[in-house]
């Protein structure tokens, strides 16, 4: 069924040590999920790493090799400044749907000026998303509690934005309350909506949608 895109968080990992590894990323593609992952730089090379890299991380080029031609979305969490030119050049050579998010404010301006696809963040600690008009989408997050609901999602969709809901499990909370209203509202059928979760197969079962 067409509708909401499911994004695996740091790949489709089964054990915590698999996060952001080749096996998790390949599993995510094989299962048909979009994927959220983290990009930093190390020695002039873009690598996949949530924490400061120490060597041995897979490169961005390896990630792109895995997802090339899949049609699956990549959500790129920007973990360092100064990556926009290299990141844009890398994706320009591949036919992969993607967007960048979580940059600093000045970096967000640079990404937008470069014509790169950007999601701004809307959360309980960022009630006024920066560069909203210029951004193609909204990363809708809740750090301290499930503060948003269907009306908030619809407001962004009505403004023409894509929306990625951060599932509460990413912050150690049960996703069930949010998943319940998401399905009951029918919003899960919207093609501009996505859900980032550590439990992609469970989300697929609940919402009967892919990535």
Protein backbone atom coordinates (compact mmCIF):
# COMPACT_ATOMS: atom_id res chain seq x y z
CA UNK A 1 0.00 0.00 0.00
CA UNK A 2 1.35 3.43 -0.90
CA UNK A 3 1.69 5.81 2.00
CA UNK A 4 4.02 6.56 4.85
CA UNK A 5 7.70 5.76 4.38
CA UNK A 6 9.39 3.82 7.17
CA UNK A 7 12.99 4.81 7.91
CA UNK A 8 15.19 2.48 9.92
CA UNK A 9 17.22 4.40 12.51
CA UNK A 10 20.98 3.92 11.85
CA UNK A 11 20.08 1.02 9.59
CA UNK A 12 18.02 -2.06 10.36
CA UNK A 13 20.10 -3.39 13.24
CA UNK A 14 19.33 -6.44 15.36
CA UNK A 15 22.07 -5.91 17.94
CA UNK A 16 23.19 -2.44 19.14
CA UNK A 17 26.71 -2.95 17.82
CA UNK A 18 25.29 -3.24 14.30
CA UNK A 19 24.12 0.40 14.20
CA UNK A 20 25.50 2.28 11.19
CA UNK A 21 27.33 -0.80 9.94
CA UNK A 22 27.31 -2.37 6.51
CA UNK A 23 25.20 -5.30 7.70
CA UNK A 24 22.49 -3.02 9.12
CA UNK A 25 22.42 -0.83 6.04
CA UNK A 26 22.30 -3.79 3.66
CA UNK A 27 19.54 -5.37 5.74
CA UNK A 28 17.55 -2.13 5.57
CA UNK A 29 17.76 -2.07 1.80
CA UNK A 30 16.93 -5.76 1.51
CA UNK A 31 13.79 -5.23 3.62
CA UNK A 32 12.75 -2.19 1.57
CA UNK A 33 13.12 0.42 4.30
CA UNK A 34 14.38 3.94 3.92
CA UNK A 35 17.26 4.67 6.27
CA UNK A 36 18.41 7.37 8.65
CA UNK A 37 22.15 7.49 9.24
CA UNK A 38 24.89 9.84 10.44
CA UNK A 39 27.65 11.50 8.43
CA UNK A 40 30.92 13.00 9.68
CA UNK A 41 34.31 13.62 8.16
CA UNK A 42 37.61 11.91 8.94
CA UNK A 43 40.84 12.79 7.19
CA UNK A 44 39.08 14.47 4.29
CA UNK A 45 36.68 11.55 3.80
CA UNK A 46 32.95 11.42 4.60
CA UNK A 47 32.15 8.49 6.87
CA UNK A 48 29.10 6.96 8.53
CA UNK A 49 29.39 7.55 12.26
CA UNK A 50 27.16 8.89 15.03
CA UNK A 51 30.04 9.60 17.41
CA UNK A 52 33.40 11.19 16.54
CA UNK A 53 35.05 8.69 14.17
CA UNK A 54 38.15 6.79 15.21
CA UNK A 55 38.82 4.89 11.99
CA UNK A 56 37.28 1.79 10.48
CA UNK A 57 33.89 3.37 9.80
CA UNK A 58 32.30 2.74 6.42
CA UNK A 59 32.45 5.59 3.94
CA UNK A 60 29.58 7.59 2.50
CA UNK A 61 30.45 6.13 -0.89
CA UNK A 62 29.82 2.64 0.52
CA UNK A 63 26.39 3.74 1.78
CA UNK A 64 25.55 5.14 -1.65
CA UNK A 65 26.69 1.93 -3.32
CA UNK A 66 24.25 -0.01 -1.14
CA UNK A 67 21.25 2.20 -1.89
CA UNK A 68 21.94 3.17 -5.52
CA UNK A 69 18.98 2.31 -7.70
CA UNK A 70 16.78 1.24 -4.78
CA UNK A 71 14.47 4.25 -4.78
CA UNK A 72 14.66 4.18 -0.97
CA UNK A 73 15.03 7.44 0.95
CA UNK A 74 18.18 8.31 2.91
CA UNK A 75 17.85 10.75 5.82
CA UNK A 76 21.32 12.13 6.49
CA UNK A 77 21.93 13.36 10.02
CA UNK A 78 24.69 15.95 9.71
CA UNK A 79 27.12 15.58 12.60
CA UNK A 80 29.82 18.07 11.56
CA UNK A 81 30.12 21.45 9.87
CA UNK A 82 31.62 22.03 6.45
CA UNK A 83 30.28 18.91 4.70
CA UNK A 84 27.77 20.46 2.31
CA UNK A 85 29.96 20.68 -0.80
CA UNK A 86 31.28 17.11 -0.58
CA UNK A 87 27.91 15.71 0.42
CA UNK A 88 26.11 17.48 -2.40
CA UNK A 89 28.71 16.31 -4.92
CA UNK A 90 28.44 12.71 -3.76
CA UNK A 91 24.66 12.61 -4.09
CA UNK A 92 24.72 14.48 -7.41
CA UNK A 93 26.37 11.43 -8.93
CA UNK A 94 23.67 9.04 -7.67
CA UNK A 95 19.96 8.69 -8.24
CA UNK A 96 19.00 8.36 -4.56
CA UNK A 97 16.21 10.31 -2.83
CA UNK A 98 17.64 11.99 0.26
CA UNK A 99 17.55 14.93 2.62
CA UNK A 100 19.87 16.43 5.22
CA UNK A 101 18.85 17.45 8.73
CA UNK A 102 20.20 18.42 12.15
CA UNK A 103 22.79 20.87 10.90
CA UNK A 104 23.64 23.96 12.94
CA UNK A 105 21.78 27.15 12.03
CA UNK A 106 24.56 28.65 9.91
CA UNK A 107 25.10 25.30 8.19
CA UNK A 108 21.39 25.05 7.42
CA UNK A 109 21.65 28.37 5.59
CA UNK A 110 24.65 27.07 3.62
CA UNK A 111 22.87 23.83 2.66
CA UNK A 112 19.84 25.77 1.45
CA UNK A 113 22.01 28.24 -0.46
CA UNK A 114 23.65 25.26 -2.20
CA UNK A 115 20.23 23.99 -3.25
CA UNK A 116 20.45 20.83 -1.13
CA UNK A 117 17.30 19.15 0.26
CA UNK A 118 16.87 20.16 3.90
CA UNK A 119 14.46 19.18 6.67
CA UNK A 120 14.17 21.71 9.49
CA UNK A 121 13.60 20.49 13.04
CA UNK A 122 10.41 21.09 15.03
CA UNK A 123 10.54 19.81 18.61
CA UNK A 124 9.69 20.59 22.21
CA UNK A 125 13.02 22.43 22.48
CA UNK A 126 12.76 24.04 19.01
CA UNK A 127 9.17 25.33 18.87
CA UNK A 128 9.98 27.71 15.99
CA UNK A 129 11.68 25.75 13.17
CA UNK A 130 14.41 27.74 11.46
CA UNK A 131 14.35 28.36 7.69
CA UNK A 132 10.87 26.86 7.55
CA UNK A 133 9.80 28.40 4.26
CA UNK A 134 12.94 27.27 2.42
CA UNK A 135 13.01 23.73 3.83
CA UNK A 136 11.33 20.89 1.95
CA UNK A 137 10.36 19.07 5.12
CA UNK A 138 10.13 18.94 8.90
CA UNK A 139 11.87 16.56 11.29
CA UNK A 140 9.19 16.33 13.98
CA UNK A 141 10.77 15.31 17.28
CA UNK A 142 9.82 14.99 20.95
CA UNK A 143 12.69 14.75 23.43
CA UNK A 144 10.87 14.93 26.75
CA UNK A 145 7.35 13.69 26.02
CA UNK A 146 4.84 13.09 23.24
CA UNK A 147 3.87 16.72 22.76
CA UNK A 148 2.62 16.68 19.15
CA UNK A 149 -0.43 15.08 17.61
CA UNK A 150 -2.36 14.76 14.35
CA UNK A 151 -3.14 18.49 14.13
CA UNK A 152 0.57 19.37 14.23
CA UNK A 153 1.38 16.86 11.51
CA UNK A 154 -1.49 18.07 9.33
CA UNK A 155 -0.42 21.70 9.73
CA UNK A 156 2.98 20.93 8.23
CA UNK A 157 1.51 18.77 5.49
CA UNK A 158 -1.01 21.50 4.65
CA UNK A 159 1.93 23.91 4.34
CA UNK A 160 3.28 21.66 1.59
CA UNK A 161 6.05 20.13 3.69
CA UNK A 162 7.17 16.57 3.94
CA UNK A 163 7.15 15.37 7.55
CA UNK A 164 9.28 12.76 9.29
CA UNK A 165 7.96 11.76 12.70
CA UNK A 166 10.63 10.65 15.15
CA UNK A 167 9.17 7.59 16.84
CA UNK A 168 9.32 7.83 20.66
CA UNK A 169 11.40 4.64 20.84
CA UNK A 170 14.40 6.68 19.69
CA UNK A 171 14.19 8.43 23.07
CA UNK A 172 13.54 5.32 25.13
CA UNK A 173 9.75 5.65 25.28
CA UNK A 174 7.07 3.29 24.05
CA UNK A 175 6.03 4.15 20.49
CA UNK A 176 2.55 2.69 20.96
CA UNK A 177 0.61 5.88 21.87
CA UNK A 178 1.97 7.77 18.85
CA UNK A 179 1.56 4.80 16.54
CA UNK A 180 -2.03 4.39 17.74
CA UNK A 181 -3.12 7.93 16.89
CA UNK A 182 -1.08 7.92 13.72
CA UNK A 183 -3.02 4.93 12.43
CA UNK A 184 -6.38 6.01 13.83
CA UNK A 185 -6.05 9.41 12.13
CA UNK A 186 -5.33 7.84 8.75
CA UNK A 187 -2.24 10.01 8.41
CA UNK A 188 -0.11 6.90 7.83
CA UNK A 189 -1.53 6.75 4.30
CA UNK A 190 -0.08 10.17 3.39
CA UNK A 191 2.73 9.90 0.81
CA UNK A 192 4.64 12.88 2.24
CA UNK A 193 4.85 11.36 5.71
CA UNK A 194 7.64 9.18 7.08
CA UNK A 195 8.42 7.55 10.41
CA UNK A 196 11.94 7.01 11.78
CA UNK A 197 12.11 4.07 14.18
CA UNK A 198 14.35 1.43 15.72
CA UNK A 199 11.55 -1.06 15.07
CA UNK A 200 10.94 -0.93 11.32
CA UNK A 201 9.47 -4.41 10.90
CA UNK A 202 7.02 -3.83 13.75
CA UNK A 203 6.04 -0.48 12.19
CA UNK A 204 5.55 -2.16 8.82
CA UNK A 205 3.25 -4.71 10.43
CA UNK A 206 1.22 -2.00 12.16
CA UNK A 207 0.92 0.35 9.22
CA UNK A 208 1.17 -2.14 6.33
CA UNK A 209 3.44 0.18 4.38
CA UNK A 210 7.02 0.10 3.12
CA UNK A 211 9.99 2.42 2.71
